[in-house]
PDB file of all heavy atoms in Angstrom:
ATOM      1  N   THR A   1    -109.569 -72.883 190.626  1.00  0.00           N
ATOM      2  CA  THR A   1    -111.012 -73.042 190.718  1.00  0.00           C
ATOM      3  C   THR A   1    -111.716 -72.462 189.497  1.00  0.00           C
ATOM      4  O   THR A   1    -111.188 -71.609 188.796  1.00  0.00           O
ATOM      5  CB  THR A   1    -111.577 -72.357 191.970  1.00  0.00           C
ATOM      6  OG1 THR A   1    -111.420 -70.939 191.858  1.00  0.00           O
ATOM      7  CG2 THR A   1    -110.843 -72.834 193.220  1.00  0.00           C
ATOM      8  N   SER A   2    -112.927 -72.939 189.270  1.00  0.00           N
ATOM      9  CA  SER A   2    -113.797 -72.403 188.239  1.00  0.00           C
ATOM     10  C   SER A   2    -115.236 -72.605 188.680  1.00  0.00           C
ATOM     11  O   SER A   2    -115.547 -73.562 189.389  1.00  0.00           O
ATOM     12  CB  SER A   2    -113.551 -73.061 186.884  1.00  0.00           C
ATOM     13  OG  SER A   2    -113.856 -74.450 186.930  1.00  0.00           O
ATOM     14  N   GLY A   3    -116.103 -71.718 188.256  1.00  0.00           N
ATOM     15  CA  GLY A   3    -117.506 -71.826 188.595  1.00  0.00           C
ATOM     16  C   GLY A   3    -117.842 -71.442 190.023  1.00  0.00           C
ATOM     17  O   GLY A   3    -118.943 -71.750 190.498  1.00  0.00           O
ATOM     18  N   LEU A   4    -116.925 -70.778 190.714  1.00  0.00           N
ATOM     19  CA  LEU A   4    -117.145 -70.360 192.091  1.00  0.00           C
ATOM     20  C   LEU A   4    -117.194 -68.844 192.182  1.00  0.00           C
ATOM     21  O   LEU A   4    -116.586 -68.146 191.372  1.00  0.00           O
ATOM     22  CB  LEU A   4    -116.043 -70.875 193.009  1.00  0.00           C
ATOM     23  CG  LEU A   4    -115.877 -72.386 193.132  1.00  0.00           C
ATOM     24  CD1 LEU A   4    -114.662 -72.699 193.989  1.00  0.00           C
ATOM     25  CD2 LEU A   4    -117.119 -73.017 193.722  1.00  0.00           C
ATOM     26  N   THR A   5    -117.915 -68.361 193.168  1.00  0.00           N
ATOM     27  CA  THR A   5    -117.976 -66.935 193.441  1.00  0.00           C
ATOM     28  C   THR A   5    -117.005 -66.615 194.562  1.00  0.00           C
ATOM     29  O   THR A   5    -117.181 -67.078 195.691  1.00  0.00           O
ATOM     30  CB  THR A   5    -119.391 -66.498 193.832  1.00  0.00           C
ATOM     31  OG1 THR A   5    -120.303 -66.812 192.780  1.00  0.00           O
ATOM     32  CG2 THR A   5    -119.430 -64.999 194.089  1.00  0.00           C
ATOM     33  N   PHE A   6    -115.981 -65.827 194.263  1.00  0.00           N
ATOM     34  CA  PHE A   6    -114.941 -65.543 195.239  1.00  0.00           C
ATOM     35  C   PHE A   6    -115.108 -64.223 195.967  1.00  0.00           C
ATOM     36  O   PHE A   6    -114.299 -63.897 196.836  1.00  0.00           O
ATOM     37  CB  PHE A   6    -113.567 -65.592 194.565  1.00  0.00           C
ATOM     38  CG  PHE A   6    -113.121 -66.979 194.245  1.00  0.00           C
ATOM     39  CD1 PHE A   6    -113.425 -67.556 193.028  1.00  0.00           C
ATOM     40  CD2 PHE A   6    -112.421 -67.726 195.181  1.00  0.00           C
ATOM     41  CE1 PHE A   6    -113.030 -68.850 192.738  1.00  0.00           C
ATOM     42  CE2 PHE A   6    -112.023 -69.017 194.900  1.00  0.00           C
ATOM     43  CZ  PHE A   6    -112.332 -69.582 193.670  1.00  0.00           C
ATOM     44  N   THR A   7    -116.143 -63.493 195.640  1.00  0.00           N
ATOM     45  CA  THR A   7    -116.372 -62.232 196.320  1.00  0.00           C
ATOM     46  C   THR A   7    -117.061 -62.417 197.662  1.00  0.00           C
ATOM     47  O   THR A   7    -117.054 -61.507 198.492  1.00  0.00           O
ATOM     48  CB  THR A   7    -117.209 -61.283 195.446  1.00  0.00           C
ATOM     49  OG1 THR A   7    -118.459 -61.906 195.112  1.00  0.00           O
ATOM     50  CG2 THR A   7    -116.465 -60.934 194.163  1.00  0.00           C
ATOM     51  N   ASP A   8    -117.631 -63.587 197.885  1.00  0.00           N
ATOM     52  CA  ASP A   8    -118.379 -63.818 199.116  1.00  0.00           C
ATOM     53  C   ASP A   8    -118.106 -65.184 199.733  1.00  0.00           C
ATOM     54  O   ASP A   8    -118.966 -65.749 200.400  1.00  0.00           O
ATOM     55  CB  ASP A   8    -119.876 -63.648 198.865  1.00  0.00           C
ATOM     56  CG  ASP A   8    -120.416 -64.623 197.831  1.00  0.00           C
ATOM     57  OD1 ASP A   8    -119.615 -65.315 197.182  1.00  0.00           O
ATOM     58  OD2 ASP A   8    -121.648 -64.694 197.679  1.00  0.00           O
ATOM     59  N   VAL A   9    -116.914 -65.729 199.523  1.00  0.00           N
ATOM     60  CA  VAL A   9    -116.566 -67.036 200.066  1.00  0.00           C
ATOM     61  C   VAL A   9    -115.224 -66.988 200.789  1.00  0.00           C
ATOM     62  O   VAL A   9    -114.436 -66.066 200.614  1.00  0.00           O
ATOM     63  CB  VAL A   9    -116.504 -68.125 198.973  1.00  0.00           C
ATOM     64  CG1 VAL A   9    -117.831 -68.229 198.244  1.00  0.00           C
ATOM     65  CG2 VAL A   9    -115.368 -67.849 197.995  1.00  0.00           C
ATOM     66  N   ALA A  10    -115.011 -67.997 201.609  1.00  0.00           N
ATOM     67  CA  ALA A  10    -113.717 -68.240 202.209  1.00  0.00           C
ATOM     68  C   ALA A  10    -113.181 -69.543 201.644  1.00  0.00           C
ATOM     69  O   ALA A  10    -113.951 -70.447 201.312  1.00  0.00           O
ATOM     70  CB  ALA A  10    -113.825 -68.322 203.729  1.00  0.00           C
ATOM     71  N   MET A  11    -111.875 -69.647 201.522  1.00  0.00           N
ATOM     72  CA  MET A  11    -111.234 -70.846 201.007  1.00  0.00           C
ATOM     73  C   MET A  11    -110.305 -71.416 202.067  1.00  0.00           C
ATOM     74  O   MET A  11    -109.576 -70.676 202.718  1.00  0.00           O
ATOM     75  CB  MET A  11    -110.440 -70.541 199.741  1.00  0.00           C
ATOM     76  CG  MET A  11    -111.278 -70.078 198.560  1.00  0.00           C
ATOM     77  SD  MET A  11    -112.328 -71.399 197.877  1.00  0.00           S
ATOM     78  CE  MET A  11    -111.091 -72.562 197.281  1.00  0.00           C
ATOM     79  N   GLY A  12    -110.343 -72.731 202.217  1.00  0.00           N
ATOM     80  CA  GLY A  12    -109.527 -73.376 203.229  1.00  0.00           C
ATOM     81  C   GLY A  12    -108.718 -74.538 202.689  1.00  0.00           C
ATOM     82  O   GLY A  12    -109.093 -75.174 201.705  1.00  0.00           O
ATOM     83  N   TRP A  13    -107.595 -74.786 203.335  1.00  0.00           N
ATOM     84  CA  TRP A  13    -106.763 -75.956 203.070  1.00  0.00           C
ATOM     85  C   TRP A  13    -106.923 -76.933 204.226  1.00  0.00           C
ATOM     86  O   TRP A  13    -106.843 -76.542 205.392  1.00  0.00           O
ATOM     87  CB  TRP A  13    -105.290 -75.578 202.942  1.00  0.00           C
ATOM     88  CG  TRP A  13    -104.908 -74.926 201.647  1.00  0.00           C
ATOM     89  CD1 TRP A  13    -104.701 -73.603 201.423  1.00  0.00           C
ATOM     90  CD2 TRP A  13    -104.664 -75.579 200.405  1.00  0.00           C
ATOM     91  NE1 TRP A  13    -104.342 -73.388 200.118  1.00  0.00           N
ATOM     92  CE2 TRP A  13    -104.312 -74.587 199.462  1.00  0.00           C
ATOM     93  CE3 TRP A  13    -104.701 -76.917 199.983  1.00  0.00           C
ATOM     94  CZ2 TRP A  13    -104.004 -74.888 198.133  1.00  0.00           C
ATOM     95  CZ3 TRP A  13    -104.401 -77.209 198.664  1.00  0.00           C
ATOM     96  CH2 TRP A  13    -104.057 -76.202 197.765  1.00  0.00           C
ATOM     97  N   PHE A  14    -107.098 -78.211 203.902  1.00  0.00           N
ATOM     98  CA  PHE A  14    -107.248 -79.254 204.899  1.00  0.00           C
ATOM     99  C   PHE A  14    -106.284 -80.386 204.606  1.00  0.00           C
ATOM    100  O   PHE A  14    -105.945 -80.646 203.458  1.00  0.00           O
ATOM    101  CB  PHE A  14    -108.686 -79.784 204.920  1.00  0.00           C
ATOM    102  CG  PHE A  14    -109.683 -78.799 205.452  1.00  0.00           C
ATOM    103  CD1 PHE A  14    -110.158 -77.767 204.661  1.00  0.00           C
ATOM    104  CD2 PHE A  14    -110.142 -78.901 206.758  1.00  0.00           C
ATOM    105  CE1 PHE A  14    -111.068 -76.854 205.158  1.00  0.00           C
ATOM    106  CE2 PHE A  14    -111.060 -77.993 207.263  1.00  0.00           C
ATOM    107  CZ  PHE A  14    -111.523 -76.965 206.458  1.00  0.00           C
ATOM    108  N   ARG A  15    -105.863 -81.067 205.654  1.00  0.00           N
ATOM    109  CA  ARG A  15    -104.974 -82.203 205.529  1.00  0.00           C
ATOM    110  C   ARG A  15    -105.668 -83.441 206.077  1.00  0.00           C
ATOM    111  O   ARG A  15    -106.316 -83.389 207.111  1.00  0.00           O
ATOM    112  CB  ARG A  15    -103.672 -81.965 206.301  1.00  0.00           C
ATOM    113  CG  ARG A  15    -102.669 -83.123 206.237  1.00  0.00           C
ATOM    114  CD  ARG A  15    -101.453 -82.843 207.114  1.00  0.00           C
ATOM    115  NE  ARG A  15    -101.798 -82.828 208.522  1.00  0.00           N
ATOM    116  CZ  ARG A  15    -101.827 -83.899 209.299  1.00  0.00           C
ATOM    117  NH1 ARG A  15    -101.515 -85.094 208.791  1.00  0.00           N
ATOM    118  NH2 ARG A  15    -102.153 -83.787 210.576  1.00  0.00           N
ATOM    119  N   GLN A  16    -105.483 -84.569 205.398  1.00  0.00           N
ATOM    120  CA  GLN A  16    -106.049 -85.825 205.853  1.00  0.00           C
ATOM    121  C   GLN A  16    -105.042 -86.951 205.675  1.00  0.00           C
ATOM    122  O   GLN A  16    -104.556 -87.183 204.575  1.00  0.00           O
ATOM    123  CB  GLN A  16    -107.334 -86.163 205.104  1.00  0.00           C
ATOM    124  CG  GLN A  16    -108.034 -87.411 205.620  1.00  0.00           C
ATOM    125  CD  GLN A  16    -109.387 -87.637 204.973  1.00  0.00           C
ATOM    126  OE1 GLN A  16    -109.590 -87.286 203.814  1.00  0.00           O
ATOM    127  NE2 GLN A  16    -110.298 -88.224 205.723  1.00  0.00           N
ATOM    128  N   ALA A  17    -104.735 -87.630 206.764  1.00  0.00           N
ATOM    129  CA  ALA A  17    -103.884 -88.803 206.722  1.00  0.00           C
ATOM    130  C   ALA A  17    -104.762 -90.040 206.603  1.00  0.00           C
ATOM    131  O   ALA A  17    -105.934 -90.010 206.990  1.00  0.00           O
ATOM    132  CB  ALA A  17    -103.020 -88.884 207.979  1.00  0.00           C
ATOM    133  N   PRO A  18    -104.243 -91.145 206.062  1.00  0.00           N
ATOM    134  CA  PRO A  18    -105.046 -92.368 205.929  1.00  0.00           C
ATOM    135  C   PRO A  18    -105.666 -92.787 207.254  1.00  0.00           C
ATOM    136  O   PRO A  18    -104.978 -92.882 208.267  1.00  0.00           O
ATOM    137  CB  PRO A  18    -104.030 -93.396 205.431  1.00  0.00           C
ATOM    138  CG  PRO A  18    -103.013 -92.586 204.700  1.00  0.00           C
ATOM    139  CD  PRO A  18    -102.899 -91.323 205.502  1.00  0.00           C
ATOM    140  N   GLY A  19    -106.973 -93.037 207.242  1.00  0.00           N
ATOM    141  CA  GLY A  19    -107.671 -93.454 208.447  1.00  0.00           C
ATOM    142  C   GLY A  19    -107.963 -92.342 209.424  1.00  0.00           C
ATOM    143  O   GLY A  19    -108.517 -92.602 210.499  1.00  0.00           O
ATOM    144  N   LYS A  20    -107.609 -91.108 209.082  1.00  0.00           N
ATOM    145  CA  LYS A  20    -107.829 -89.973 209.965  1.00  0.00           C
ATOM    146  C   LYS A  20    -108.832 -89.006 209.355  1.00  0.00           C
ATOM    147  O   LYS A  20    -109.075 -89.013 208.154  1.00  0.00           O
ATOM    148  CB  LYS A  20    -106.513 -89.231 210.233  1.00  0.00           C
ATOM    149  CG  LYS A  20    -105.426 -90.083 210.867  1.00  0.00           C
ATOM    150  CD  LYS A  20    -105.776 -90.453 212.290  1.00  0.00           C
ATOM    151  CE  LYS A  20    -104.624 -91.186 212.952  1.00  0.00           C
ATOM    152  NZ  LYS A  20    -104.931 -91.517 214.365  1.00  0.00           N
ATOM    153  N   LYS A  21    -109.404 -88.173 210.193  1.00  0.00           N
ATOM    154  CA  LYS A  21    -110.329 -87.152 209.733  1.00  0.00           C
ATOM    155  C   LYS A  21    -109.567 -85.955 209.197  1.00  0.00           C
ATOM    156  O   LYS A  21    -108.405 -85.736 209.530  1.00  0.00           O
ATOM    157  CB  LYS A  21    -111.254 -86.718 210.865  1.00  0.00           C
ATOM    158  CG  LYS A  21    -112.141 -87.826 211.415  1.00  0.00           C
ATOM    159  CD  LYS A  21    -113.079 -87.300 212.482  1.00  0.00           C
ATOM    160  CE  LYS A  21    -113.951 -88.411 213.045  1.00  0.00           C
ATOM    161  NZ  LYS A  21    -114.829 -88.984 212.011  1.00  0.00           N
ATOM    162  N   ARG A  22    -110.235 -85.186 208.372  1.00  0.00           N
ATOM    163  CA  ARG A  22    -109.638 -83.972 207.846  1.00  0.00           C
ATOM    164  C   ARG A  22    -109.389 -82.959 208.953  1.00  0.00           C
ATOM    165  O   ARG A  22    -110.214 -82.789 209.846  1.00  0.00           O
ATOM    166  CB  ARG A  22    -110.556 -83.352 206.796  1.00  0.00           C
ATOM    167  CG  ARG A  22    -110.468 -83.992 205.431  1.00  0.00           C
ATOM    168  CD  ARG A  22    -111.524 -83.450 204.517  1.00  0.00           C
ATOM    169  NE  ARG A  22    -111.278 -83.827 203.133  1.00  0.00           N
ATOM    170  CZ  ARG A  22    -112.202 -83.879 202.204  1.00  0.00           C
ATOM    171  NH1 ARG A  22    -113.461 -83.576 202.500  1.00  0.00           N
ATOM    172  NH2 ARG A  22    -111.887 -84.229 200.961  1.00  0.00           N
ATOM    173  N   GLU A  23    -108.245 -82.293 208.875  1.00  0.00           N
ATOM    174  CA  GLU A  23    -107.888 -81.265 209.834  1.00  0.00           C
ATOM    175  C   GLU A  23    -107.646 -79.950 209.099  1.00  0.00           C
ATOM    176  O   GLU A  23    -107.018 -79.926 208.050  1.00  0.00           O
ATOM    177  CB  GLU A  23    -106.623 -81.643 210.611  1.00  0.00           C
ATOM    178  CG  GLU A  23    -106.769 -82.900 211.450  1.00  0.00           C
ATOM    179  CD  GLU A  23    -105.509 -83.224 212.220  1.00  0.00           C
ATOM    180  OE1 GLU A  23    -104.456 -82.632 211.926  1.00  0.00           O
ATOM    181  OE2 GLU A  23    -105.589 -84.073 213.129  1.00  0.00           O
ATOM    182  N   GLY A  24    -108.152 -78.885 209.672  1.00  0.00           N
ATOM    183  CA  GLY A  24    -107.957 -77.579 209.076  1.00  0.00           C
ATOM    184  C   GLY A  24    -106.510 -77.138 209.180  1.00  0.00           C
ATOM    185  O   GLY A  24    -105.907 -77.205 210.253  1.00  0.00           O
ATOM    186  N   VAL A  25    -105.952 -76.670 208.076  1.00  0.00           N
ATOM    187  CA  VAL A  25    -104.577 -76.187 208.025  1.00  0.00           C
ATOM    188  C   VAL A  25    -104.543 -74.664 207.988  1.00  0.00           C
ATOM    189  O   VAL A  25    -103.829 -74.026 208.762  1.00  0.00           O
ATOM    190  CB  VAL A  25    -103.826 -76.760 206.810  1.00  0.00           C
ATOM    191  CG1 VAL A  25    -102.420 -76.177 206.722  1.00  0.00           C
ATOM    192  CG2 VAL A  25    -103.783 -78.278 206.881  1.00  0.00           C
TER     193      VAL A  25
END
């Protein structure tokens, strides 16, 4: 990442299959 403030954020990974909605990993 660049241009983000990491002292006050959370970061998440998500998975998305074709035709499906994103799911939190």
